[in-house]
Protein backbone atom coordinates (compact mmCIF):
# COMPACT_ATOMS: atom_id res chain seq x y z
CA MET A 1 4.93 -27.57 -56.02
CA GLU A 2 5.01 -30.26 -53.33
CA LYS A 3 1.62 -30.95 -51.80
CA ARG A 4 1.50 -30.16 -48.11
CA LEU A 5 -0.20 -33.00 -46.30
CA ILE A 6 -2.61 -33.29 -43.41
CA ILE A 7 -1.18 -35.96 -41.05
CA THR A 8 -3.14 -37.12 -38.03
CA VAL A 9 -1.78 -38.95 -35.01
CA ASP A 10 -4.29 -40.45 -32.56
CA GLY A 11 -3.91 -42.75 -29.59
CA PRO A 12 -4.38 -43.14 -25.83
CA ALA A 13 -2.49 -41.24 -23.14
CA GLY A 14 1.12 -42.35 -22.78
CA SER A 15 1.37 -43.93 -26.22
CA GLY A 16 4.06 -41.43 -27.21
CA LYS A 17 1.95 -39.54 -29.71
CA SER A 18 2.68 -36.05 -28.39
CA THR A 19 6.45 -36.47 -28.45
CA VAL A 20 6.67 -38.12 -31.87
CA SER A 21 4.10 -35.76 -33.43
CA ARG A 22 6.07 -32.70 -32.32
CA ILE A 23 9.38 -34.10 -33.53
CA LEU A 24 7.89 -35.33 -36.83
CA ALA A 25 6.41 -31.88 -37.47
CA GLU A 26 9.78 -30.23 -36.80
CA ARG A 27 11.62 -32.58 -39.13
CA ILE A 28 9.32 -32.07 -42.08
CA SER A 29 8.76 -28.36 -41.32
CA TYR A 30 5.05 -28.73 -40.61
CA ILE A 31 2.82 -27.11 -38.00
CA TYR A 32 2.23 -29.19 -34.90
CA LEU A 33 -1.33 -29.08 -33.57
CA ASP A 34 -1.66 -30.51 -30.04
CA THR A 35 -5.44 -30.82 -29.71
CA GLY A 36 -5.21 -32.48 -26.32
CA LEU A 37 -3.74 -29.21 -25.07
CA LEU A 38 -6.91 -27.40 -26.19
CA TYR A 39 -9.13 -29.61 -24.07
CA ARG A 40 -6.74 -29.38 -21.14
CA ALA A 41 -6.85 -25.58 -21.44
CA VAL A 42 -10.66 -25.62 -21.40
CA ALA A 43 -10.66 -27.98 -18.41
CA TYR A 44 -8.16 -25.82 -16.55
CA LYS A 45 -10.09 -22.59 -17.08
CA ALA A 46 -13.43 -24.26 -16.32
CA MET A 47 -12.01 -25.47 -13.01
CA GLN A 48 -10.57 -22.04 -12.24
CA ARG A 49 -13.92 -20.36 -12.87
CA GLY A 50 -16.03 -23.02 -11.20
CA ILE A 51 -17.84 -23.92 -14.42
CA SER A 52 -19.65 -27.25 -14.32
CA ILE A 53 -19.23 -29.66 -17.22
CA GLU A 54 -23.04 -29.79 -17.23
CA ASP A 55 -23.20 -26.08 -18.15
CA ASP A 56 -23.02 -26.29 -21.94
CA GLU A 57 -23.53 -22.58 -22.57
CA ALA A 58 -20.81 -21.48 -20.15
CA LEU A 59 -18.37 -24.00 -21.65
CA ARG A 60 -19.21 -22.83 -25.18
CA LYS A 61 -18.48 -19.21 -24.23
CA LEU A 62 -15.23 -20.30 -22.62
CA CYS A 63 -14.19 -22.01 -25.86
CA ASP A 64 -15.00 -18.85 -27.80
CA GLY A 65 -12.22 -17.11 -25.89
CA ILE A 66 -9.57 -19.61 -26.98
CA ASP A 67 -6.82 -18.44 -29.31
CA ILE A 68 -4.39 -20.77 -31.10
CA PRO A 69 -1.50 -18.53 -32.18
CA PHE A 70 0.66 -21.35 -33.62
CA GLU A 71 3.63 -20.06 -31.74
CA THR A 72 5.89 -22.63 -30.17
CA ASP A 73 8.09 -22.75 -27.12
CA ASN A 74 10.86 -25.27 -27.78
CA GLY A 75 8.56 -27.00 -30.25
CA ASN A 76 5.53 -27.03 -27.95
CA MET A 77 2.30 -25.39 -29.03
CA LYS A 78 0.88 -22.45 -27.10
CA VAL A 79 -2.79 -21.94 -26.26
CA LEU A 80 -4.11 -18.61 -24.99
CA ILE A 81 -7.43 -18.05 -23.22
CA ASP A 82 -8.38 -14.38 -22.89
CA GLY A 83 -4.77 -13.52 -23.71
CA GLU A 84 -3.30 -15.73 -20.97
CA ASP A 85 -0.89 -18.49 -21.99
CA VAL A 86 -2.06 -21.55 -20.04
CA SER A 87 0.00 -24.10 -21.98
CA GLY A 88 2.46 -24.82 -19.20
CA ARG A 89 -0.12 -25.20 -16.41
CA VAL A 90 -2.26 -28.02 -17.70
CA ARG A 91 -0.07 -31.13 -17.67
CA THR A 92 -1.23 -32.62 -14.37
CA GLU A 93 -3.13 -35.92 -14.12
CA GLU A 94 -6.06 -34.09 -12.50
CA ILE A 95 -6.44 -31.78 -15.49
CA GLY A 96 -5.97 -34.75 -17.84
CA MET A 97 -8.96 -36.57 -16.34
CA LEU A 98 -11.06 -33.41 -16.34
CA ALA A 99 -10.07 -32.77 -19.96
CA SER A 100 -11.34 -36.23 -20.85
CA SER A 101 -14.72 -35.34 -19.31
CA VAL A 102 -14.81 -31.91 -20.97
CA SER A 103 -13.96 -33.43 -24.36
CA ALA A 104 -17.11 -35.55 -24.14
CA VAL A 105 -19.30 -32.43 -24.01
CA SER A 106 -20.83 -31.75 -27.41
CA ALA A 107 -20.81 -27.98 -26.92
CA VAL A 108 -17.05 -28.04 -26.39
CA ARG A 109 -16.31 -30.33 -29.32
CA ASP A 110 -18.54 -28.25 -31.62
CA ALA A 111 -16.87 -25.02 -30.52
CA LEU A 112 -13.34 -26.34 -31.07
CA LEU A 113 -14.00 -28.17 -34.34
CA LEU A 114 -13.80 -25.09 -36.59
CA PRO A 115 -10.50 -23.68 -35.24
CA GLN A 116 -8.95 -27.14 -35.48
CA ARG A 117 -10.06 -27.60 -39.08
CA SER A 118 -9.00 -24.05 -39.92
CA ALA A 119 -5.52 -24.92 -38.74
CA GLY A 120 -5.29 -27.58 -41.44
CA ARG A 121 -6.98 -25.76 -44.30
CA TYR A 122 -3.68 -25.33 -46.21
CA GLY A 123 -2.18 -28.66 -45.18
CA GLY A 124 1.33 -28.84 -43.80
CA ILE A 125 0.11 -29.96 -40.39
CA VAL A 126 0.64 -32.83 -37.96
CA ALA A 127 -2.53 -32.93 -35.84
CA GLU A 128 -2.34 -35.00 -32.68
CA GLY A 129 -5.24 -36.05 -30.47
CA ARG A 130 -7.88 -38.70 -30.02
CA ASP A 131 -10.30 -38.11 -32.90
CA MET A 132 -8.16 -36.38 -35.50
CA GLY A 133 -8.47 -39.15 -38.08
CA THR A 134 -12.06 -40.08 -37.29
CA VAL A 135 -13.79 -36.73 -36.79
CA VAL A 136 -11.70 -33.61 -37.26
CA PHE A 137 -9.79 -34.59 -40.41
CA PRO A 138 -11.57 -37.68 -41.81
CA GLY A 139 -10.04 -36.91 -45.22
CA ALA A 140 -6.46 -36.63 -43.92
CA ASP A 141 -3.70 -37.78 -46.27
CA ILE A 142 -2.03 -39.99 -43.65
CA LYS A 143 -3.55 -41.27 -40.40
CA PHE A 144 -1.50 -42.84 -37.64
CA PHE A 145 -2.80 -44.52 -34.49
CA LEU A 146 -0.21 -45.13 -31.80
CA ASP A 147 -0.73 -47.54 -28.91
CA ALA A 148 1.30 -49.30 -26.19
CA ASP A 149 0.52 -51.57 -23.28
CA ALA A 150 -0.68 -49.99 -20.04
CA ASP A 151 2.47 -50.76 -18.04
CA GLU A 152 4.74 -49.06 -20.54
CA ARG A 153 2.43 -46.08 -20.92
CA ALA A 154 2.32 -45.65 -17.16
CA LYS A 155 6.13 -45.74 -16.91
CA ARG A 156 6.44 -43.12 -19.63
CA ARG A 157 3.95 -40.77 -17.99
CA TYR A 158 5.58 -41.31 -14.59
CA ALA A 159 9.03 -40.42 -15.99
CA GLN A 160 7.63 -37.37 -17.77
CA LEU A 161 5.90 -36.03 -14.67
CA MET A 162 8.88 -36.69 -12.38
CA GLU A 163 11.14 -34.90 -14.88
CA ASN A 164 8.82 -31.89 -14.64
CA GLY A 165 9.12 -31.92 -10.87
CA ILE A 166 5.67 -33.45 -10.20
CA ASN A 167 5.95 -36.16 -7.52
CA VAL A 168 3.60 -39.06 -8.40
CA ASP A 169 3.02 -42.74 -7.65
CA LEU A 170 3.48 -45.20 -10.53
CA GLY A 171 0.58 -47.40 -9.44
CA GLU A 172 -1.74 -44.41 -9.30
CA ILE A 173 -0.56 -43.27 -12.72
CA LYS A 174 -1.49 -46.67 -14.20
CA LYS A 175 -4.90 -46.61 -12.55
CA GLY A 176 -5.49 -43.12 -13.90
CA LEU A 177 -4.50 -44.15 -17.43
CA GLU A 178 -6.80 -47.15 -17.35
CA ALA A 179 -9.66 -45.00 -16.06
CA ARG A 180 -9.05 -42.46 -18.81
CA ASP A 181 -8.82 -45.21 -21.44
CA TYR A 182 -12.27 -46.42 -20.41
CA GLN A 183 -13.68 -42.91 -20.34
CA ASP A 184 -12.23 -42.04 -23.75
CA THR A 185 -13.21 -45.24 -25.54
CA GLN A 186 -16.73 -45.54 -24.07
CA ARG A 187 -17.97 -41.99 -24.49
CA GLU A 188 -20.77 -41.48 -26.99
CA ILE A 189 -19.26 -38.44 -28.70
CA ALA A 190 -16.07 -39.03 -30.75
CA PRO A 191 -14.82 -42.07 -28.86
CA LEU A 192 -11.14 -42.97 -29.05
CA LYS A 193 -10.60 -45.52 -31.81
CA PRO A 194 -8.43 -45.90 -34.90
CA ALA A 195 -9.89 -44.73 -38.21
CA GLY A 196 -10.50 -47.56 -40.67
CA ASP A 197 -7.60 -46.39 -42.84
CA SER A 198 -5.14 -45.70 -39.98
CA VAL A 199 -1.61 -47.01 -39.89
CA ILE A 200 -1.49 -48.61 -36.41
CA ILE A 201 1.87 -48.60 -34.64
CA ASN A 202 2.34 -50.36 -31.32
CA THR A 203 5.12 -48.42 -29.64
CA THR A 204 5.72 -50.91 -26.81
CA GLY A 205 9.47 -51.50 -26.62
CA ILE A 206 10.23 -49.01 -29.41
CA ASP A 207 12.09 -45.80 -28.64
CA VAL A 208 11.06 -42.41 -29.98
CA GLU A 209 13.52 -42.49 -32.90
CA GLY A 210 12.29 -45.92 -33.93
CA VAL A 211 8.68 -44.74 -34.07
CA ILE A 212 9.57 -41.57 -35.94
CA GLU A 213 11.58 -43.59 -38.46
CA LYS A 214 8.53 -45.77 -39.19
CA MET A 215 6.33 -42.71 -39.61
CA THR A 216 8.84 -40.82 -41.74
CA ILE A 217 9.16 -43.73 -44.17
CA ILE A 218 5.38 -43.73 -44.66
CA VAL A 219 5.26 -39.93 -45.10
CA GLU A 220 8.10 -39.98 -47.63
CA LYS A 221 6.50 -42.80 -49.58
CA HIS A 222 3.17 -40.98 -49.69
CA THR A 223 4.87 -37.76 -50.82
CA ARG A 224 6.70 -39.58 -53.65
CA LEU A 225 3.51 -41.25 -54.82
CA ALA A 226 1.59 -37.99 -54.68
CA GLY A 227 4.25 -36.34 -56.84
CA ASN A 228 3.94 -38.94 -59.59
């Protein structure tokens, strides 16, 4: 029986990790776990309810109400809080910055660690985020870290938001990405960084298919070696 792997994909905002992780999971018939969506969902609900990121206990209780049903909508993961699907409401830059702050709260990370690990207990998962290979799945079979220069990441995020009908300024998008990069890499808890055994792919100038091809070759090679 073929071993079902745990594959992690980490990287900064705009590096392309969400898109390629979702497509890679579809192609190899694995579950796609979008952990950034979890933190965005917490941030969204915390903002709705007026919960301060300083209120650890309120944030912990909020996380306890999160359900990950592993249902997809056109390949995108769904997240429910108290039965409400908030997956489509959390893609704004404002929520992204708030999610970065929320993800630095130890109570939130502790509360979400178990459901994330439970998702991968049988393997067969592509887990995408910022600390998948360093904290959540340190023993993952394959770890990828995607990166790209700030200009390209800003253009990608700009195009994505405009396509979704969100009118934004490219310069402001770049400033926001750089601010989030600093916040994510400098936080004390689970900072953004590649795991020591990550395969690092710079996606600057490479289209989605090119990145997926590189990743698929590595996955297939690992699967062949594991079967020997």
